[in-house]
Amino acid sequence: MGITTLDYSLLHLITAAIVGFIAGRIVGVNAGSRPSRAASQAHTARDSRNVAEENLGRLTGRVRTAVMALLAEGRIIEAVRDVRAATGLGLKEAKDVVDLLRDESPPSGGARLH
């Protein structure tokens, strides 16, 4: 009495179901150990702020005063441009430094871009 074609197909289906179940459990366990998207974004925001604080130290007093004056006038783009020119930072990093300075400075009548 040999295995018929129907029995062989059923054996394949059962094996595939078991393998799929085990793989799903493994993936499910690993997915549970990953941080949520919100937690990951909060971590990235903290990292960006820490980097911006370090980069803020690269500004000379004269450049910082000029940037603060630009921010008081609401000239954010020019402030970012000046930070980039003085430090060699990329656009995002320079904007993060300017945002830090904006958070420190008193509010102005100019438009606030975020």
C-alpha atoms as a PDB file:
ATOM      1  CA  MET A   1       0.000   0.000   0.000  1.00  0.00           C
ATOM      2  CA  GLY A   2       1.727   3.140  -1.226  1.00  0.00           C
ATOM      3  CA  ILE A   3       1.166   6.816  -0.678  1.00  0.00           C
ATOM      4  CA  THR A   4      -1.347   8.122  -3.147  1.00  0.00           C
ATOM      5  CA  THR A   5      -1.107  11.505  -4.838  1.00  0.00           C
ATOM      6  CA  LEU A   6      -3.878  12.855  -2.605  1.00  0.00           C
ATOM      7  CA  ASP A   7      -2.089  11.733   0.570  1.00  0.00           C
ATOM      8  CA  TYR A   8       1.182  13.242  -0.647  1.00  0.00           C
ATOM      9  CA  SER A   9      -0.499  16.613  -1.321  1.00  0.00           C
ATOM     10  CA  LEU A  10      -2.117  16.580   2.092  1.00  0.00           C
ATOM     11  CA  LEU A  11       1.280  15.871   3.661  1.00  0.00           C
ATOM     12  CA  HIS A  12       2.722  18.893   1.847  1.00  0.00           C
ATOM     13  CA  LEU A  13      -0.126  21.117   3.043  1.00  0.00           C
ATOM     14  CA  ILE A  14       0.266  20.031   6.657  1.00  0.00           C
ATOM     15  CA  THR A  15       4.050  20.520   6.516  1.00  0.00           C
ATOM     16  CA  ALA A  16       3.647  23.967   4.955  1.00  0.00           C
ATOM     17  CA  ALA A  17       1.119  24.945   7.629  1.00  0.00           C
ATOM     18  CA  ILE A  18       3.442  23.848  10.432  1.00  0.00           C
ATOM     19  CA  VAL A  19       6.440  25.645   8.935  1.00  0.00           C
ATOM     20  CA  GLY A  20       4.344  28.783   8.392  1.00  0.00           C
ATOM     21  CA  PHE A  21       3.092  28.675  11.967  1.00  0.00           C
ATOM     22  CA  ILE A  22       6.616  28.344  13.375  1.00  0.00           C
ATOM     23  CA  ALA A  23       7.969  31.106  11.124  1.00  0.00           C
ATOM     24  CA  GLY A  24       5.101  33.368  12.149  1.00  0.00           C
ATOM     25  CA  ARG A  25       5.831  32.803  15.815  1.00  0.00           C
ATOM     26  CA  ILE A  26       9.516  33.589  15.318  1.00  0.00           C
ATOM     27  CA  VAL A  27       8.767  36.794  13.405  1.00  0.00           C
ATOM     28  CA  GLY A  28       6.129  37.767  15.966  1.00  0.00           C
ATOM     29  CA  VAL A  29       8.582  37.414  18.821  1.00  0.00           C
ATOM     30  CA  ASN A  30      11.199  39.524  17.028  1.00  0.00           C
ATOM     31  CA  ALA A  31       8.642  42.190  16.094  1.00  0.00           C
ATOM     32  CA  GLY A  32       7.675  42.548  19.737  1.00  0.00           C
ATOM     33  CA  SER A  33      11.237  43.426  20.693  1.00  0.00           C
ATOM     34  CA  ARG A  34      11.489  46.372  18.266  1.00  0.00           C
ATOM     35  CA  PRO A  35      10.720  49.853  19.567  1.00  0.00           C
ATOM     36  CA  SER A  36       7.534  51.480  18.341  1.00  0.00           C
ATOM     37  CA  ARG A  37       7.690  54.104  15.616  1.00  0.00           C
ATOM     38  CA  ALA A  38       6.810  56.840  18.126  1.00  0.00           C
ATOM     39  CA  ALA A  39       9.569  55.718  20.485  1.00  0.00           C
ATOM     40  CA  SER A  40      12.032  55.630  17.611  1.00  0.00           C
ATOM     41  CA  GLN A  41      11.049  59.148  16.516  1.00  0.00           C
ATOM     42  CA  ALA A  42      11.356  60.451  20.086  1.00  0.00           C
ATOM     43  CA  HIS A  43      14.820  58.905  20.312  1.00  0.00           C
ATOM     44  CA  THR A  44      15.811  60.509  17.000  1.00  0.00           C
ATOM     45  CA  ALA A  45      14.511  63.899  18.181  1.00  0.00           C
ATOM     46  CA  ARG A  46      16.621  63.650  21.359  1.00  0.00           C
ATOM     47  CA  ASP A  47      19.664  62.700  19.294  1.00  0.00           C
ATOM     48  CA  SER A  48      19.090  65.650  16.939  1.00  0.00           C
ATOM     49  CA  ARG A  49      18.822  68.018  19.882  1.00  0.00           C
ATOM     50  CA  ASN A  50      22.031  66.660  21.437  1.00  0.00           C
ATOM     51  CA  VAL A  51      23.883  67.069  18.135  1.00  0.00           C
ATOM     52  CA  ALA A  52      22.464  70.586  17.744  1.00  0.00           C
ATOM     53  CA  GLU A  53      23.683  71.492  21.245  1.00  0.00           C
ATOM     54  CA  GLU A  54      27.164  70.235  20.366  1.00  0.00           C
ATOM     55  CA  ASN A  55      27.118  72.173  17.075  1.00  0.00           C
ATOM     56  CA  LEU A  56      25.928  75.304  18.857  1.00  0.00           C
ATOM     57  CA  GLY A  57      29.274  75.332  20.647  1.00  0.00           C
ATOM     58  CA  ARG A  58      30.989  75.692  17.257  1.00  0.00           C
ATOM     59  CA  LEU A  59      29.527  79.182  16.786  1.00  0.00           C
ATOM     60  CA  THR A  60      31.740  82.120  17.694  1.00  0.00           C
ATOM     61  CA  GLY A  61      30.246  84.849  19.820  1.00  0.00           C
ATOM     62  CA  ARG A  62      30.124  87.222  16.851  1.00  0.00           C
ATOM     63  CA  VAL A  63      28.279  84.725  14.634  1.00  0.00           C
ATOM     64  CA  ARG A  64      25.891  83.802  17.434  1.00  0.00           C
ATOM     65  CA  THR A  65      25.076  87.487  18.012  1.00  0.00           C
ATOM     66  CA  ALA A  66      24.466  88.019  14.284  1.00  0.00           C
ATOM     67  CA  VAL A  67      22.243  84.936  14.089  1.00  0.00           C
ATOM     68  CA  MET A  68      20.263  86.050  17.141  1.00  0.00           C
ATOM     69  CA  ALA A  69      19.752  89.463  15.500  1.00  0.00           C
ATOM     70  CA  LEU A  70      18.464  87.775  12.338  1.00  0.00           C
ATOM     71  CA  LEU A  71      16.102  85.645  14.402  1.00  0.00           C
ATOM     72  CA  ALA A  72      14.809  88.724  16.228  1.00  0.00           C
ATOM     73  CA  GLU A  73      13.881  90.101  12.791  1.00  0.00           C
ATOM     74  CA  GLY A  74      12.237  86.822  11.791  1.00  0.00           C
ATOM     75  CA  ARG A  75      14.876  86.143   9.117  1.00  0.00           C
ATOM     76  CA  ILE A  76      15.214  82.422   9.733  1.00  0.00           C
ATOM     77  CA  ILE A  77      16.524  81.415   6.321  1.00  0.00           C
ATOM     78  CA  GLU A  78      19.338  83.945   6.552  1.00  0.00           C
ATOM     79  CA  ALA A  79      20.146  82.699  10.055  1.00  0.00           C
ATOM     80  CA  VAL A  80      20.433  79.118   8.789  1.00  0.00           C
ATOM     81  CA  ARG A  81      22.593  80.314   5.890  1.00  0.00           C
ATOM     82  CA  ASP A  82      24.956  82.128   8.271  1.00  0.00           C
ATOM     83  CA  VAL A  83      25.222  79.114  10.594  1.00  0.00           C
ATOM     84  CA  ARG A  84      26.068  76.899   7.611  1.00  0.00           C
ATOM     85  CA  ALA A  85      28.683  79.352   6.350  1.00  0.00           C
ATOM     86  CA  ALA A  86      30.317  79.682   9.767  1.00  0.00           C
ATOM     87  CA  THR A  87      30.345  75.997  10.687  1.00  0.00           C
ATOM     88  CA  GLY A  88      30.239  74.002   7.448  1.00  0.00           C
ATOM     89  CA  LEU A  89      27.194  72.099   8.718  1.00  0.00           C
ATOM     90  CA  GLY A  90      24.579  70.586   6.458  1.00  0.00           C
ATOM     91  CA  LEU A  91      21.164  72.161   6.045  1.00  0.00           C
ATOM     92  CA  LYS A  92      19.338  70.009   8.610  1.00  0.00           C
ATOM     93  CA  GLU A  93      22.066  70.344  11.222  1.00  0.00           C
ATOM     94  CA  ALA A  94      22.240  74.123  10.767  1.00  0.00           C
ATOM     95  CA  LYS A  95      18.447  74.401  11.021  1.00  0.00           C
ATOM     96  CA  ASP A  96      18.532  72.368  14.239  1.00  0.00           C
ATOM     97  CA  VAL A  97      21.076  74.840  15.676  1.00  0.00           C
ATOM     98  CA  VAL A  98      18.902  77.779  14.614  1.00  0.00           C
ATOM     99  CA  ASP A  99      15.848  76.100  16.161  1.00  0.00           C
ATOM    100  CA  LEU A 100      17.759  75.750  19.424  1.00  0.00           C
ATOM    101  CA  LEU A 101      18.645  79.434  19.335  1.00  0.00           C
ATOM    102  CA  ARG A 102      15.027  80.314  18.541  1.00  0.00           C
ATOM    103  CA  ASP A 103      13.889  78.322  21.567  1.00  0.00           C
ATOM    104  CA  GLU A 104      16.323  80.318  23.722  1.00  0.00           C
ATOM    105  CA  SER A 105      15.434  83.730  22.292  1.00  0.00           C
ATOM    106  CA  PRO A 106      12.393  85.807  23.220  1.00  0.00           C
ATOM    107  CA  PRO A 107       9.509  85.627  20.727  1.00  0.00           C
ATOM    108  CA  SER A 108       9.609  88.106  17.865  1.00  0.00           C
ATOM    109  CA  GLY A 109       6.978  89.549  15.590  1.00  0.00           C
ATOM    110  CA  GLY A 110       8.415  87.623  12.615  1.00  0.00           C
ATOM    111  CA  ALA A 111       7.021  84.469  11.122  1.00  0.00           C
ATOM    112  CA  ARG A 112       8.066  81.239  12.782  1.00  0.00           C
ATOM    113  CA  LEU A 113       8.892  78.336  10.486  1.00  0.00           C
ATOM    114  CA  HIS A 114       9.148  74.778  11.789  1.00  0.00           C
END
